[in-house]
């Protein structure tokens, strides 16, 4: 199997996961999780989002979270920004990267962001211009399917990615927002895109709604992608798709990559411990399988 020898795993649970929690997670606990991830070898962590506190009360402390962690060397702390105001707040707090998200699907974009895709492109252009030397990643949501429109044209998705690159985006994330992707689809689309953009930072973001997240990551690896979003414990979901679950669990992804001989630089044992800490913090069992079963190299006495 021809796959990269190294891969980057970006934990997005402190944004994508926390944002849907109804009970407010104390700021010091959020900071503790982010710092815990930073100690384990992650090169990039999506730590929060600078959305309206009225719209997402859980993210009301985004400034405090970034200011508490931004001095940690060797880690880029990213934050989602929905508009210019959010970008200004994020830059003022000292983020290392801005992440803009919009959907390839008009219907999903309207439900999620209350604007057309064209307006989202204009929004992205303004944020990229404002960011200056700070890198801007653009995430194209519903890249592999929309729960309202069905399959999204691959050419449409690629066209949107090309447009934001022409605006100055430093990286592209293709997101399977509601878990509709399949491995053949992922391989076909990513193979064509990666071969055209060999020097571009391309990331894949899979939700595990239909339990195909890990298989889709393998397909992405085979296509030449070496960067993947994941969420500690599998925390998260999508508020605009019935039954949607969180991202693939970070510890499950790291475990699989290590078993395949793909280096991540992440301390898996420490990651499992942090996932168990998160379960206690959230107060419920999380979807991650490695949290339950342990590593495949764990051995037990024969009774």
C-alpha atoms as a PDB file:
ATOM      1  CA  UNK A   1       0.000   0.000   0.000  1.00  0.00           C
ATOM      2  CA  UNK A   2       1.504   3.330  -1.088  1.00  0.00           C
ATOM      3  CA  UNK A   3       0.836   5.750   1.775  1.00  0.00           C
ATOM      4  CA  UNK A   4       2.752   8.602   3.440  1.00  0.00           C
ATOM      5  CA  UNK A   5       5.213   7.574   6.157  1.00  0.00           C
ATOM      6  CA  UNK A   6       4.164  10.507   8.327  1.00  0.00           C
ATOM      7  CA  UNK A   7       0.821  12.206   8.923  1.00  0.00           C
ATOM      8  CA  UNK A   8      -0.433  15.162  10.929  1.00  0.00           C
ATOM      9  CA  UNK A   9      -3.488  14.775  13.140  1.00  0.00           C
ATOM     10  CA  UNK A  10      -5.219  18.026  14.066  1.00  0.00           C
ATOM     11  CA  UNK A  11      -7.463  17.866  17.104  1.00  0.00           C
ATOM     12  CA  UNK A  12     -10.622  19.958  16.630  1.00  0.00           C
ATOM     13  CA  UNK A  13     -12.613  18.711  19.618  1.00  0.00           C
ATOM     14  CA  UNK A  14     -12.175  21.869  21.670  1.00  0.00           C
ATOM     15  CA  UNK A  15     -14.087  23.695  18.937  1.00  0.00           C
ATOM     16  CA  UNK A  16     -16.121  21.205  16.920  1.00  0.00           C
ATOM     17  CA  UNK A  17     -16.892  19.085  19.982  1.00  0.00           C
ATOM     18  CA  UNK A  18     -17.313  21.642  22.747  1.00  0.00           C
ATOM     19  CA  UNK A  19     -19.544  23.979  20.724  1.00  0.00           C
ATOM     20  CA  UNK A  20     -22.503  21.580  20.931  1.00  0.00           C
ATOM     21  CA  UNK A  21     -22.288  20.948  24.685  1.00  0.00           C
ATOM     22  CA  UNK A  22     -25.300  22.520  26.410  1.00  0.00           C
ATOM     23  CA  UNK A  23     -23.676  22.768  29.829  1.00  0.00           C
ATOM     24  CA  UNK A  24     -20.969  25.430  29.905  1.00  0.00           C
ATOM     25  CA  UNK A  25     -17.519  23.912  30.256  1.00  0.00           C
ATOM     26  CA  UNK A  26     -15.452  26.040  32.647  1.00  0.00           C
ATOM     27  CA  UNK A  27     -12.727  28.030  30.938  1.00  0.00           C
ATOM     28  CA  UNK A  28      -9.980  26.499  33.068  1.00  0.00           C
ATOM     29  CA  UNK A  29     -11.097  23.015  31.985  1.00  0.00           C
ATOM     30  CA  UNK A  30     -11.001  23.984  28.309  1.00  0.00           C
ATOM     31  CA  UNK A  31      -7.515  25.390  28.776  1.00  0.00           C
ATOM     32  CA  UNK A  32      -6.484  22.201  30.573  1.00  0.00           C
ATOM     33  CA  UNK A  33      -7.602  20.050  27.620  1.00  0.00           C
ATOM     34  CA  UNK A  34      -5.876  22.281  25.055  1.00  0.00           C
ATOM     35  CA  UNK A  35      -2.642  22.311  27.057  1.00  0.00           C
ATOM     36  CA  UNK A  36      -2.924  18.562  27.525  1.00  0.00           C
ATOM     37  CA  UNK A  37      -3.128  18.057  23.770  1.00  0.00           C
ATOM     38  CA  UNK A  38      -0.187  20.398  23.240  1.00  0.00           C
ATOM     39  CA  UNK A  39       1.989  18.301  25.557  1.00  0.00           C
ATOM     40  CA  UNK A  40       1.222  15.138  23.581  1.00  0.00           C
ATOM     41  CA  UNK A  41       2.874  16.165  20.323  1.00  0.00           C
ATOM     42  CA  UNK A  42       0.132  17.825  18.262  1.00  0.00           C
ATOM     43  CA  UNK A  43       1.476  20.387  15.806  1.00  0.00           C
ATOM     44  CA  UNK A  44      -1.888  22.101  15.340  1.00  0.00           C
ATOM     45  CA  UNK A  45      -4.940  22.315  17.590  1.00  0.00           C
ATOM     46  CA  UNK A  46      -8.221  24.030  16.745  1.00  0.00           C
ATOM     47  CA  UNK A  47      -8.719  25.474  20.198  1.00  0.00           C
ATOM     48  CA  UNK A  48     -11.922  27.510  19.922  1.00  0.00           C
ATOM     49  CA  UNK A  49     -14.081  29.678  17.655  1.00  0.00           C
ATOM     50  CA  UNK A  50     -14.707  33.415  17.640  1.00  0.00           C
ATOM     51  CA  UNK A  51     -18.422  33.234  16.924  1.00  0.00           C
ATOM     52  CA  UNK A  52     -21.078  35.389  18.539  1.00  0.00           C
ATOM     53  CA  UNK A  53     -21.400  34.466  22.234  1.00  0.00           C
ATOM     54  CA  UNK A  54     -25.151  34.914  21.848  1.00  0.00           C
ATOM     55  CA  UNK A  55     -25.259  32.349  19.048  1.00  0.00           C
ATOM     56  CA  UNK A  56     -22.864  29.884  20.717  1.00  0.00           C
ATOM     57  CA  UNK A  57     -22.618  30.614  24.457  1.00  0.00           C
ATOM     58  CA  UNK A  58     -20.079  27.801  24.893  1.00  0.00           C
ATOM     59  CA  UNK A  59     -17.525  29.866  22.955  1.00  0.00           C
ATOM     60  CA  UNK A  60     -17.890  33.046  25.012  1.00  0.00           C
ATOM     61  CA  UNK A  61     -14.410  32.554  26.484  1.00  0.00           C
ATOM     62  CA  UNK A  62     -12.505  32.127  23.209  1.00  0.00           C
ATOM     63  CA  UNK A  63     -10.225  35.081  23.916  1.00  0.00           C
ATOM     64  CA  UNK A  64      -9.262  33.737  27.337  1.00  0.00           C
ATOM     65  CA  UNK A  65      -8.532  30.271  25.938  1.00  0.00           C
ATOM     66  CA  UNK A  66      -6.228  31.558  23.173  1.00  0.00           C
ATOM     67  CA  UNK A  67      -4.426  33.989  25.448  1.00  0.00           C
ATOM     68  CA  UNK A  68      -3.730  31.166  27.925  1.00  0.00           C
ATOM     69  CA  UNK A  69      -2.121  28.833  25.362  1.00  0.00           C
ATOM     70  CA  UNK A  70      -0.654  30.964  22.572  1.00  0.00           C
ATOM     71  CA  UNK A  71       2.796  31.079  24.158  1.00  0.00           C
ATOM     72  CA  UNK A  72       3.334  27.323  23.907  1.00  0.00           C
ATOM     73  CA  UNK A  73       6.152  26.677  21.443  1.00  0.00           C
ATOM     74  CA  UNK A  74       5.846  24.289  18.527  1.00  0.00           C
ATOM     75  CA  UNK A  75       2.045  24.287  18.305  1.00  0.00           C
ATOM     76  CA  UNK A  76      -0.207  26.334  16.014  1.00  0.00           C
ATOM     77  CA  UNK A  77      -3.436  27.256  17.787  1.00  0.00           C
ATOM     78  CA  UNK A  78      -6.193  27.689  15.235  1.00  0.00           C
ATOM     79  CA  UNK A  79      -9.650  29.185  15.667  1.00  0.00           C
ATOM     80  CA  UNK A  80     -12.755  29.168  13.525  1.00  0.00           C
ATOM     81  CA  UNK A  81     -13.932  32.622  12.476  1.00  0.00           C
ATOM     82  CA  UNK A  82     -17.319  33.208  10.811  1.00  0.00           C
ATOM     83  CA  UNK A  83     -16.859  36.825   9.677  1.00  0.00           C
ATOM     84  CA  UNK A  84     -14.649  39.914   9.815  1.00  0.00           C
ATOM     85  CA  UNK A  85     -15.649  40.763  13.366  1.00  0.00           C
ATOM     86  CA  UNK A  86     -14.743  37.282  14.547  1.00  0.00           C
ATOM     87  CA  UNK A  87     -11.462  37.431  12.634  1.00  0.00           C
ATOM     88  CA  UNK A  88     -10.584  40.763  14.244  1.00  0.00           C
ATOM     89  CA  UNK A  89     -11.236  39.317  17.704  1.00  0.00           C
ATOM     90  CA  UNK A  90      -9.194  36.209  16.937  1.00  0.00           C
ATOM     91  CA  UNK A  91      -6.236  38.169  15.601  1.00  0.00           C
ATOM     92  CA  UNK A  92      -6.339  40.475  18.612  1.00  0.00           C
ATOM     93  CA  UNK A  93      -6.221  37.442  20.932  1.00  0.00           C
ATOM     94  CA  UNK A  94      -3.151  36.101  19.130  1.00  0.00           C
ATOM     95  CA  UNK A  95      -4.292  33.025  17.171  1.00  0.00           C
ATOM     96  CA  UNK A  96      -1.747  31.302  14.945  1.00  0.00           C
ATOM     97  CA  UNK A  97      -4.213  30.475  12.185  1.00  0.00           C
ATOM     98  CA  UNK A  98      -7.720  31.430  11.137  1.00  0.00           C
ATOM     99  CA  UNK A  99     -10.118  28.769   9.880  1.00  0.00           C
ATOM    100  CA  UNK A 100     -13.041  29.822   7.694  1.00  0.00           C
ATOM    101  CA  UNK A 101     -15.836  27.321   7.116  1.00  0.00           C
ATOM    102  CA  UNK A 102     -18.530  27.397   4.462  1.00  0.00           C
ATOM    103  CA  UNK A 103     -20.477  24.722   2.621  1.00  0.00           C
ATOM    104  CA  UNK A 104     -20.287  23.562  -0.963  1.00  0.00           C
ATOM    105  CA  UNK A 105     -24.064  23.059  -0.699  1.00  0.00           C
ATOM    106  CA  UNK A 106     -26.213  26.182  -0.973  1.00  0.00           C
ATOM    107  CA  UNK A 107     -28.913  24.716   1.282  1.00  0.00           C
ATOM    108  CA  UNK A 108     -26.541  23.662   4.053  1.00  0.00           C
ATOM    109  CA  UNK A 109     -24.668  26.965   3.839  1.00  0.00           C
ATOM    110  CA  UNK A 110     -27.899  28.906   4.196  1.00  0.00           C
ATOM    111  CA  UNK A 111     -28.998  26.842   7.200  1.00  0.00           C
ATOM    112  CA  UNK A 112     -25.579  26.989   8.840  1.00  0.00           C
ATOM    113  CA  UNK A 113     -24.360  30.500   7.962  1.00  0.00           C
ATOM    114  CA  UNK A 114     -27.506  32.240   6.686  1.00  0.00           C
ATOM    115  CA  UNK A 115     -25.815  33.329   3.473  1.00  0.00           C
ATOM    116  CA  UNK A 116     -25.237  32.130  -0.060  1.00  0.00           C
ATOM    117  CA  UNK A 117     -22.048  30.370  -1.086  1.00  0.00           C
ATOM    118  CA  UNK A 118     -21.119  33.415  -3.187  1.00  0.00           C
ATOM    119  CA  UNK A 119     -21.474  35.645  -0.128  1.00  0.00           C
ATOM    120  CA  UNK A 120     -19.305  33.202   1.824  1.00  0.00           C
ATOM    121  CA  UNK A 121     -16.595  33.546  -0.825  1.00  0.00           C
ATOM    122  CA  UNK A 122     -16.724  37.329  -0.452  1.00  0.00           C
ATOM    123  CA  UNK A 123     -16.540  36.895   3.310  1.00  0.00           C
ATOM    124  CA  UNK A 124     -13.474  34.670   2.912  1.00  0.00           C
ATOM    125  CA  UNK A 125     -11.805  37.214   0.641  1.00  0.00           C
ATOM    126  CA  UNK A 126     -12.239  39.954   3.257  1.00  0.00           C
ATOM    127  CA  UNK A 127     -10.913  37.781   6.091  1.00  0.00           C
ATOM    128  CA  UNK A 128      -7.869  36.657   4.082  1.00  0.00           C
ATOM    129  CA  UNK A 129      -7.069  40.288   3.269  1.00  0.00           C
ATOM    130  CA  UNK A 130      -7.385  41.232   6.950  1.00  0.00           C
ATOM    131  CA  UNK A 131      -5.230  38.339   8.170  1.00  0.00           C
ATOM    132  CA  UNK A 132      -2.058  39.588   6.506  1.00  0.00           C
ATOM    133  CA  UNK A 133       0.814  37.282   7.465  1.00  0.00           C
ATOM    134  CA  UNK A 134      -1.383  35.033   9.638  1.00  0.00           C
ATOM    135  CA  UNK A 135      -2.258  31.887   7.703  1.00  0.00           C
ATOM    136  CA  UNK A 136      -5.859  31.231   6.751  1.00  0.00           C
ATOM    137  CA  UNK A 137      -7.250  27.744   6.201  1.00  0.00           C
ATOM    138  CA  UNK A 138     -10.568  27.353   4.419  1.00  0.00           C
ATOM    139  CA  UNK A 139     -12.790  24.381   5.190  1.00  0.00           C
ATOM    140  CA  UNK A 140     -15.258  23.397   2.479  1.00  0.00           C
ATOM    141  CA  UNK A 141     -18.097  21.686   4.348  1.00  0.00           C
ATOM    142  CA  UNK A 142     -20.404  19.078   2.767  1.00  0.00           C
ATOM    143  CA  UNK A 143     -17.614  18.308   0.282  1.00  0.00           C
ATOM    144  CA  UNK A 144     -18.771  14.704  -0.035  1.00  0.00           C
ATOM    145  CA  UNK A 145     -22.523  15.131   0.277  1.00  0.00           C
ATOM    146  CA  UNK A 146     -25.309  17.279   1.699  1.00  0.00           C
ATOM    147  CA  UNK A 147     -28.148  15.927   3.877  1.00  0.00           C
ATOM    148  CA  UNK A 148     -30.591  18.206   2.032  1.00  0.00           C
ATOM    149  CA  UNK A 149     -29.330  18.163  -1.574  1.00  0.00           C
ATOM    150  CA  UNK A 150     -27.672  14.743  -1.712  1.00  0.00           C
ATOM    151  CA  UNK A 151     -24.448  14.310  -3.661  1.00  0.00           C
ATOM    152  CA  UNK A 152     -22.521  17.521  -4.288  1.00  0.00           C
ATOM    153  CA  UNK A 153     -20.763  17.767  -7.645  1.00  0.00           C
ATOM    154  CA  UNK A 154     -17.053  17.025  -7.266  1.00  0.00           C
ATOM    155  CA  UNK A 155     -16.277  19.671  -9.860  1.00  0.00           C
ATOM    156  CA  UNK A 156     -18.260  22.184  -7.801  1.00  0.00           C
ATOM    157  CA  UNK A 157     -16.264  21.342  -4.660  1.00  0.00           C
ATOM    158  CA  UNK A 158     -12.924  21.563  -6.477  1.00  0.00           C
ATOM    159  CA  UNK A 159     -13.956  24.837  -8.115  1.00  0.00           C
ATOM    160  CA  UNK A 160     -14.703  26.376  -4.712  1.00  0.00           C
ATOM    161  CA  UNK A 161     -11.359  25.183  -3.359  1.00  0.00           C
ATOM    162  CA  UNK A 162      -9.563  26.681  -6.356  1.00  0.00           C
ATOM    163  CA  UNK A 163     -11.353  29.986  -5.853  1.00  0.00           C
ATOM    164  CA  UNK A 164     -10.314  30.373  -2.213  1.00  0.00           C
ATOM    165  CA  UNK A 165      -6.746  29.411  -3.112  1.00  0.00           C
ATOM    166  CA  UNK A 166      -6.737  32.198  -5.686  1.00  0.00           C
ATOM    167  CA  UNK A 167      -7.810  34.561  -2.885  1.00  0.00           C
ATOM    168  CA  UNK A 168      -4.744  33.646  -0.839  1.00  0.00           C
ATOM    169  CA  UNK A 169      -5.827  30.799   1.447  1.00  0.00           C
ATOM    170  CA  UNK A 170      -2.824  28.882   2.786  1.00  0.00           C
ATOM    171  CA  UNK A 171      -4.609  25.542   3.200  1.00  0.00           C
ATOM    172  CA  UNK A 172      -7.777  23.676   2.277  1.00  0.00           C
ATOM    173  CA  UNK A 173      -9.812  21.249   4.357  1.00  0.00           C
ATOM    174  CA  UNK A 174     -12.405  19.067   2.662  1.00  0.00           C
ATOM    175  CA  UNK A 175     -15.059  18.208   5.234  1.00  0.00           C
ATOM    176  CA  UNK A 176     -17.517  15.319   5.278  1.00  0.00           C
ATOM    177  CA  UNK A 177     -19.756  17.286   7.602  1.00  0.00           C
ATOM    178  CA  UNK A 178     -22.511  14.720   8.015  1.00  0.00           C
ATOM    179  CA  UNK A 179     -20.744  11.425   7.318  1.00  0.00           C
ATOM    180  CA  UNK A 180     -21.839  10.792   3.720  1.00  0.00           C
ATOM    181  CA  UNK A 181     -18.443  10.024   2.164  1.00  0.00           C
ATOM    182  CA  UNK A 182     -17.234   6.619   1.012  1.00  0.00           C
ATOM    183  CA  UNK A 183     -13.615   5.516   0.436  1.00  0.00           C
ATOM    184  CA  UNK A 184     -13.771   5.268  -3.360  1.00  0.00           C
ATOM    185  CA  UNK A 185     -15.268   8.739  -3.600  1.00  0.00           C
ATOM    186  CA  UNK A 186     -12.613  10.140  -1.245  1.00  0.00           C
ATOM    187  CA  UNK A 187      -9.756   8.499  -3.126  1.00  0.00           C
ATOM    188  CA  UNK A 188     -10.974   9.642  -6.540  1.00  0.00           C
ATOM    189  CA  UNK A 189     -11.492  13.268  -5.592  1.00  0.00           C
ATOM    190  CA  UNK A 190      -8.382  13.641  -3.428  1.00  0.00           C
ATOM    191  CA  UNK A 191      -6.077  11.866  -5.873  1.00  0.00           C
ATOM    192  CA  UNK A 192      -6.955  14.343  -8.595  1.00  0.00           C
ATOM    193  CA  UNK A 193      -6.708  17.369  -6.307  1.00  0.00           C
ATOM    194  CA  UNK A 194      -3.463  16.427  -4.526  1.00  0.00           C
ATOM    195  CA  UNK A 195      -1.652  15.635  -7.789  1.00  0.00           C
ATOM    196  CA  UNK A 196      -2.523  19.134  -8.995  1.00  0.00           C
ATOM    197  CA  UNK A 197      -1.498  20.828  -5.720  1.00  0.00           C
ATOM    198  CA  UNK A 198       1.555  18.910  -4.517  1.00  0.00           C
ATOM    199  CA  UNK A 199       2.822  21.712  -2.250  1.00  0.00           C
ATOM    200  CA  UNK A 200      -0.529  22.631  -0.706  1.00  0.00           C
ATOM    201  CA  UNK A 201      -1.574  21.800   2.853  1.00  0.00           C
ATOM    202  CA  UNK A 202      -4.622  19.571   2.258  1.00  0.00           C
ATOM    203  CA  UNK A 203      -6.597  18.247   5.237  1.00  0.00           C
ATOM    204  CA  UNK A 204      -9.543  15.855   5.442  1.00  0.00           C
ATOM    205  CA  UNK A 205     -12.255  16.218   8.069  1.00  0.00           C
ATOM    206  CA  UNK A 206     -14.499  13.187   8.537  1.00  0.00           C
ATOM    207  CA  UNK A 207     -17.504  12.761  10.776  1.00  0.00           C
ATOM    208  CA  UNK A 208     -18.231   9.205  11.806  1.00  0.00           C
ATOM    209  CA  UNK A 209     -22.003   9.338  11.368  1.00  0.00           C
ATOM    210  CA  UNK A 210     -22.130   6.089   9.378  1.00  0.00           C
ATOM    211  CA  UNK A 211     -18.997   4.530  10.848  1.00  0.00           C
ATOM    212  CA  UNK A 212     -16.870   5.045   7.725  1.00  0.00           C
ATOM    213  CA  UNK A 213     -14.504   7.699   9.046  1.00  0.00           C
ATOM    214  CA  UNK A 214     -11.427   5.505   9.499  1.00  0.00           C
ATOM    215  CA  UNK A 215     -11.935   3.807   6.119  1.00  0.00           C
ATOM    216  CA  UNK A 216     -12.159   7.230   4.500  1.00  0.00           C
ATOM    217  CA  UNK A 217      -8.907   8.280   6.169  1.00  0.00           C
ATOM    218  CA  UNK A 218      -7.151   5.249   4.705  1.00  0.00           C
ATOM    219  CA  UNK A 219      -8.514   6.234   1.286  1.00  0.00           C
ATOM    220  CA  UNK A 220      -7.200   9.750   1.839  1.00  0.00           C
ATOM    221  CA  UNK A 221      -3.777   8.385   2.764  1.00  0.00           C
ATOM    222  CA  UNK A 222      -3.698   6.281  -0.397  1.00  0.00           C
ATOM    223  CA  UNK A 223      -4.529   9.405  -2.403  1.00  0.00           C
ATOM    224  CA  UNK A 224      -1.578  11.256  -0.862  1.00  0.00           C
ATOM    225  CA  UNK A 225      -3.267  13.309   1.878  1.00  0.00           C
ATOM    226  CA  UNK A 226      -1.260  13.415   5.098  1.00  0.00           C
ATOM    227  CA  UNK A 227      -3.296  15.688   7.379  1.00  0.00           C
ATOM    228  CA  UNK A 228      -6.538  14.791   9.161  1.00  0.00           C
ATOM    229  CA  UNK A 229      -8.908  16.476  11.599  1.00  0.00           C
ATOM    230  CA  UNK A 230     -10.173  14.442  14.531  1.00  0.00           C
ATOM    231  CA  UNK A 231     -11.925  15.065  17.844  1.00  0.00           C
ATOM    232  CA  UNK A 232     -10.798  13.755  21.219  1.00  0.00           C
ATOM    233  CA  UNK A 233     -13.169  10.964  22.237  1.00  0.00           C
ATOM    234  CA  UNK A 234     -15.248  11.532  19.087  1.00  0.00           C
ATOM    235  CA  UNK A 235     -17.021  14.459  20.732  1.00  0.00           C
ATOM    236  CA  UNK A 236     -19.188  16.633  18.485  1.00  0.00           C
ATOM    237  CA  UNK A 237     -21.770  16.462  15.718  1.00  0.00           C
ATOM    238  CA  UNK A 238     -23.641  18.680  13.292  1.00  0.00           C
ATOM    239  CA  UNK A 239     -26.687  20.666  14.480  1.00  0.00           C
ATOM    240  CA  UNK A 240     -28.145  20.712  10.965  1.00  0.00           C
ATOM    241  CA  UNK A 241     -28.251  16.981  10.231  1.00  0.00           C
ATOM    242  CA  UNK A 242     -30.432  14.490  12.117  1.00  0.00           C
ATOM    243  CA  UNK A 243     -28.382  11.776  13.802  1.00  0.00           C
ATOM    244  CA  UNK A 244     -24.995  13.281  12.874  1.00  0.00           C
ATOM    245  CA  UNK A 245     -22.183  12.304  15.214  1.00  0.00           C
ATOM    246  CA  UNK A 246     -18.836  13.854  15.954  1.00  0.00           C
ATOM    247  CA  UNK A 247     -15.558  13.625  14.119  1.00  0.00           C
ATOM    248  CA  UNK A 248     -13.600  10.412  14.061  1.00  0.00           C
ATOM    249  CA  UNK A 249     -12.099  10.029  17.559  1.00  0.00           C
ATOM    250  CA  UNK A 250      -8.552  11.369  17.704  1.00  0.00           C
ATOM    251  CA  UNK A 251      -7.207   8.438  19.678  1.00  0.00           C
ATOM    252  CA  UNK A 252      -8.762   5.953  17.226  1.00  0.00           C
ATOM    253  CA  UNK A 253      -7.120   7.745  14.301  1.00  0.00           C
ATOM    254  CA  UNK A 254      -3.707   7.912  15.984  1.00  0.00           C
ATOM    255  CA  UNK A 255      -3.928   4.248  16.999  1.00  0.00           C
ATOM    256  CA  UNK A 256      -4.784   3.165  13.454  1.00  0.00           C
ATOM    257  CA  UNK A 257      -2.003   5.248  11.921  1.00  0.00           C
ATOM    258  CA  UNK A 258       0.577   3.887  14.353  1.00  0.00           C
ATOM    259  CA  UNK A 259      -0.535   0.305  13.673  1.00  0.00           C
ATOM    260  CA  UNK A 260      -0.117   1.000   9.953  1.00  0.00           C
ATOM    261  CA  UNK A 261       3.415   2.286  10.508  1.00  0.00           C
ATOM    262  CA  UNK A 262       2.513   5.925   9.894  1.00  0.00           C
ATOM    263  CA  UNK A 263       4.298   8.293  12.267  1.00  0.00           C
ATOM    264  CA  UNK A 264       2.344  11.087  13.955  1.00  0.00           C
ATOM    265  CA  UNK A 265       4.649  12.224  16.750  1.00  0.00           C
ATOM    266  CA  UNK A 266       1.722  11.903  19.181  1.00  0.00           C
ATOM    267  CA  UNK A 267       1.863  10.115  22.532  1.00  0.00           C
ATOM    268  CA  UNK A 268      -1.015   7.631  22.190  1.00  0.00           C
ATOM    269  CA  UNK A 269      -0.957   6.480  25.811  1.00  0.00           C
ATOM    270  CA  UNK A 270      -1.205  10.057  27.032  1.00  0.00           C
ATOM    271  CA  UNK A 271      -3.959  10.727  24.511  1.00  0.00           C
ATOM    272  CA  UNK A 272      -6.028   7.842  25.872  1.00  0.00           C
ATOM    273  CA  UNK A 273      -5.588   9.187  29.414  1.00  0.00           C
ATOM    274  CA  UNK A 274      -6.680  12.649  28.255  1.00  0.00           C
ATOM    275  CA  UNK A 275      -9.738  11.143  26.550  1.00  0.00           C
ATOM    276  CA  UNK A 276     -10.738   9.442  29.805  1.00  0.00           C
ATOM    277  CA  UNK A 277     -10.295  12.753  31.601  1.00  0.00           C
ATOM    278  CA  UNK A 278     -12.585  14.382  29.022  1.00  0.00           C
ATOM    279  CA  UNK A 279     -15.228  11.700  29.646  1.00  0.00           C
ATOM    280  CA  UNK A 280     -15.223  12.587  33.355  1.00  0.00           C
ATOM    281  CA  UNK A 281     -15.366  16.283  32.522  1.00  0.00           C
ATOM    282  CA  UNK A 282     -18.317  15.871  30.122  1.00  0.00           C
ATOM    283  CA  UNK A 283     -20.000  13.341  32.397  1.00  0.00           C
ATOM    284  CA  UNK A 284     -20.790  10.617  29.873  1.00  0.00           C
ATOM    285  CA  UNK A 285     -19.200   7.875  27.828  1.00  0.00           C
ATOM    286  CA  UNK A 286     -17.731   9.072  24.512  1.00  0.00           C
ATOM    287  CA  UNK A 287     -17.770   7.161  21.186  1.00  0.00           C
ATOM    288  CA  UNK A 288     -14.034   6.485  20.951  1.00  0.00           C
ATOM    289  CA  UNK A 289     -13.351   2.743  20.706  1.00  0.00           C
ATOM    290  CA  UNK A 290      -9.751   2.928  21.898  1.00  0.00           C
ATOM    291  CA  UNK A 291     -10.978   4.553  25.112  1.00  0.00           C
ATOM    292  CA  UNK A 292     -12.996   1.376  25.706  1.00  0.00           C
ATOM    293  CA  UNK A 293     -10.797  -1.380  24.280  1.00  0.00           C
ATOM    294  CA  UNK A 294      -7.308   0.028  24.717  1.00  0.00           C
ATOM    295  CA  UNK A 295      -4.455  -0.382  22.242  1.00  0.00           C
ATOM    296  CA  UNK A 296      -4.289  -3.572  20.190  1.00  0.00           C
ATOM    297  CA  UNK A 297      -0.800  -4.137  21.647  1.00  0.00           C
ATOM    298  CA  UNK A 298      -2.178  -4.310  25.207  1.00  0.00           C
ATOM    299  CA  UNK A 299      -1.870  -7.857  26.484  1.00  0.00           C
ATOM    300  CA  UNK A 300      -3.830  -9.500  29.276  1.00  0.00           C
ATOM    301  CA  UNK A 301      -3.096 -12.449  31.580  1.00  0.00           C
ATOM    302  CA  UNK A 302      -4.544 -15.796  30.558  1.00  0.00           C
ATOM    303  CA  UNK A 303      -6.775 -16.877  33.448  1.00  0.00           C
END
